N, C-alpha and C. Protein backbone atom coordinates (compact mmCIF):
# COMPACT_ATOMS: atom_id res chain seq x y z
N GLN A 1 -31.41 -28.15 3.31
CA GLN A 1 -32.69 -27.69 3.83
C GLN A 1 -32.90 -28.18 5.26
N THR A 2 -32.46 -29.36 5.59
CA THR A 2 -32.66 -29.91 6.93
C THR A 2 -32.01 -29.03 7.99
N LEU A 3 -30.77 -28.60 7.77
CA LEU A 3 -30.09 -27.74 8.74
C LEU A 3 -30.80 -26.40 8.87
N ALA A 4 -31.24 -25.83 7.77
CA ALA A 4 -31.93 -24.55 7.80
C ALA A 4 -33.21 -24.64 8.62
N ASN A 5 -33.93 -25.75 8.52
CA ASN A 5 -35.17 -25.92 9.27
C ASN A 5 -34.93 -25.98 10.77
N GLN A 6 -33.72 -26.27 11.20
CA GLN A 6 -33.40 -26.33 12.62
C GLN A 6 -33.08 -24.96 13.21
N LEU A 7 -32.96 -23.95 12.37
CA LEU A 7 -32.64 -22.61 12.86
C LEU A 7 -33.81 -22.03 13.64
N GLY A 8 -33.49 -21.31 14.70
CA GLY A 8 -34.50 -20.57 15.43
C GLY A 8 -34.80 -19.26 14.70
N GLU A 9 -35.78 -18.53 15.18
CA GLU A 9 -36.13 -17.24 14.59
C GLU A 9 -34.91 -16.34 14.55
N ASN A 10 -34.64 -15.75 13.40
CA ASN A 10 -33.47 -14.90 13.14
C ASN A 10 -32.15 -15.64 13.27
N GLY A 11 -32.18 -16.97 13.30
CA GLY A 11 -30.96 -17.76 13.36
C GLY A 11 -30.20 -17.68 12.04
N LYS A 12 -28.89 -17.85 12.11
CA LYS A 12 -28.04 -17.80 10.92
C LYS A 12 -27.26 -19.09 10.77
N LEU A 13 -27.12 -19.50 9.52
CA LEU A 13 -26.31 -20.65 9.16
C LEU A 13 -25.32 -20.16 8.11
N ILE A 14 -24.04 -20.34 8.39
CA ILE A 14 -22.99 -19.94 7.45
C ILE A 14 -22.29 -21.21 7.01
N VAL A 15 -22.37 -21.50 5.71
CA VAL A 15 -21.88 -22.78 5.23
C VAL A 15 -21.12 -22.60 3.91
N PRO A 16 -19.96 -23.27 3.78
CA PRO A 16 -19.26 -23.23 2.50
C PRO A 16 -19.91 -24.21 1.52
N VAL A 17 -20.14 -23.75 0.30
CA VAL A 17 -20.76 -24.59 -0.73
C VAL A 17 -19.86 -24.56 -1.97
N GLY A 18 -19.50 -25.73 -2.46
CA GLY A 18 -18.67 -25.78 -3.65
C GLY A 18 -17.91 -27.08 -3.73
N ASP A 19 -16.85 -27.05 -4.52
CA ASP A 19 -16.05 -28.25 -4.70
C ASP A 19 -14.82 -28.22 -3.79
N LYS A 20 -13.93 -29.15 -4.01
CA LYS A 20 -12.75 -29.30 -3.14
C LYS A 20 -11.79 -28.11 -3.25
N VAL A 21 -11.80 -27.43 -4.39
CA VAL A 21 -10.84 -26.35 -4.62
C VAL A 21 -11.35 -24.99 -4.15
N GLN A 22 -12.61 -24.67 -4.45
CA GLN A 22 -13.12 -23.35 -4.12
C GLN A 22 -14.58 -23.44 -3.70
N GLN A 23 -14.93 -22.64 -2.69
CA GLN A 23 -16.29 -22.63 -2.17
C GLN A 23 -16.78 -21.18 -2.06
N LYS A 24 -18.09 -21.03 -2.04
CA LYS A 24 -18.71 -19.75 -1.74
C LYS A 24 -19.37 -19.88 -0.38
N LEU A 25 -19.26 -18.84 0.43
CA LEU A 25 -19.94 -18.85 1.72
C LEU A 25 -21.39 -18.45 1.49
N MET A 26 -22.30 -19.27 1.97
CA MET A 26 -23.72 -18.98 1.89
C MET A 26 -24.19 -18.66 3.31
N ILE A 27 -24.86 -17.53 3.46
CA ILE A 27 -25.38 -17.12 4.76
C ILE A 27 -26.90 -17.22 4.70
N VAL A 28 -27.45 -18.13 5.48
CA VAL A 28 -28.90 -18.37 5.50
C VAL A 28 -29.45 -17.82 6.81
N THR A 29 -30.45 -16.95 6.73
CA THR A 29 -31.10 -16.38 7.90
C THR A 29 -32.57 -16.76 7.88
N ARG A 30 -33.06 -17.25 9.01
CA ARG A 30 -34.47 -17.64 9.09
C ARG A 30 -35.30 -16.50 9.66
N GLN A 31 -36.41 -16.21 8.97
CA GLN A 31 -37.38 -15.22 9.44
C GLN A 31 -38.75 -15.85 9.30
N GLY A 32 -39.23 -16.43 10.40
CA GLY A 32 -40.48 -17.17 10.37
C GLY A 32 -40.31 -18.42 9.53
N ASN A 33 -41.16 -18.60 8.53
CA ASN A 33 -41.05 -19.75 7.62
C ASN A 33 -40.26 -19.41 6.36
N ASN A 34 -39.68 -18.22 6.31
CA ASN A 34 -38.91 -17.79 5.15
C ASN A 34 -37.42 -17.82 5.46
N PHE A 35 -36.63 -18.03 4.42
CA PHE A 35 -35.18 -18.07 4.54
C PHE A 35 -34.58 -17.07 3.56
N ASP A 36 -33.77 -16.16 4.08
CA ASP A 36 -33.01 -15.25 3.23
C ASP A 36 -31.64 -15.87 3.02
N ILE A 37 -31.19 -15.90 1.76
CA ILE A 37 -29.89 -16.49 1.45
C ILE A 37 -29.02 -15.43 0.79
N ILE A 38 -27.86 -15.19 1.39
CA ILE A 38 -26.88 -14.26 0.85
C ILE A 38 -25.66 -15.07 0.43
N GLU A 39 -25.21 -14.83 -0.79
CA GLU A 39 -24.01 -15.50 -1.29
C GLU A 39 -22.83 -14.56 -1.06
N ALA A 40 -21.91 -14.96 -0.19
CA ALA A 40 -20.74 -14.14 0.12
C ALA A 40 -19.61 -14.45 -0.86
N ASP A 41 -18.46 -13.87 -0.62
CA ASP A 41 -17.30 -14.06 -1.49
C ASP A 41 -16.87 -15.51 -1.59
N SER A 42 -16.14 -15.79 -2.66
CA SER A 42 -15.54 -17.12 -2.83
C SER A 42 -14.35 -17.27 -1.89
N ARG A 43 -14.15 -18.47 -1.42
CA ARG A 43 -13.07 -18.77 -0.48
C ARG A 43 -12.47 -20.11 -0.83
N SER A 44 -11.30 -20.35 -0.30
CA SER A 44 -10.69 -21.68 -0.35
C SER A 44 -10.41 -22.11 1.08
N PHE A 45 -10.80 -23.30 1.42
CA PHE A 45 -10.60 -23.84 2.76
C PHE A 45 -9.68 -25.04 2.68
N VAL A 46 -9.02 -25.32 3.78
CA VAL A 46 -8.23 -26.54 3.87
C VAL A 46 -9.20 -27.71 3.77
N PRO A 47 -8.97 -28.66 2.86
CA PRO A 47 -9.91 -29.77 2.69
C PRO A 47 -10.06 -30.61 3.97
N LEU A 48 -11.28 -30.99 4.26
CA LEU A 48 -11.56 -31.90 5.36
C LEU A 48 -11.11 -33.30 4.93
N ILE A 49 -10.32 -33.94 5.76
CA ILE A 49 -9.83 -35.28 5.42
C ILE A 49 -10.35 -36.28 6.45
N GLY A 50 -10.16 -37.54 6.17
CA GLY A 50 -10.60 -38.58 7.10
C GLY A 50 -11.92 -39.19 6.68
N LYS A 51 -12.54 -39.88 7.60
CA LYS A 51 -13.75 -40.65 7.32
C LYS A 51 -14.87 -39.82 6.71
N ARG A 52 -15.07 -38.59 7.17
CA ARG A 52 -16.17 -37.75 6.69
C ARG A 52 -15.70 -36.67 5.72
N GLY A 53 -14.46 -36.75 5.28
CA GLY A 53 -13.89 -35.73 4.41
C GLY A 53 -14.03 -36.04 2.93
N TRP A 54 -13.32 -35.28 2.11
CA TRP A 54 -13.32 -35.47 0.66
C TRP A 54 -12.66 -36.79 0.30
N ALA A 55 -13.18 -37.43 -0.71
CA ALA A 55 -12.55 -38.65 -1.22
C ALA A 55 -11.28 -38.26 -1.98
N ASP A 56 -10.27 -39.11 -1.91
CA ASP A 56 -9.00 -38.80 -2.60
C ASP A 56 -9.12 -38.93 -4.08
């Protein structure tokens, strides 16, 4: 919610949501004080590693 609140009018946030193996792309669009959320196809991404990445 914090990132979405930083969006400007008609701003878009595209974020992968899920576990280490598979994620769904969520597209959040701000329209005034309302947020439209579209759930896109499932995807697999290379895991983020290092200090801020997935735990082993």
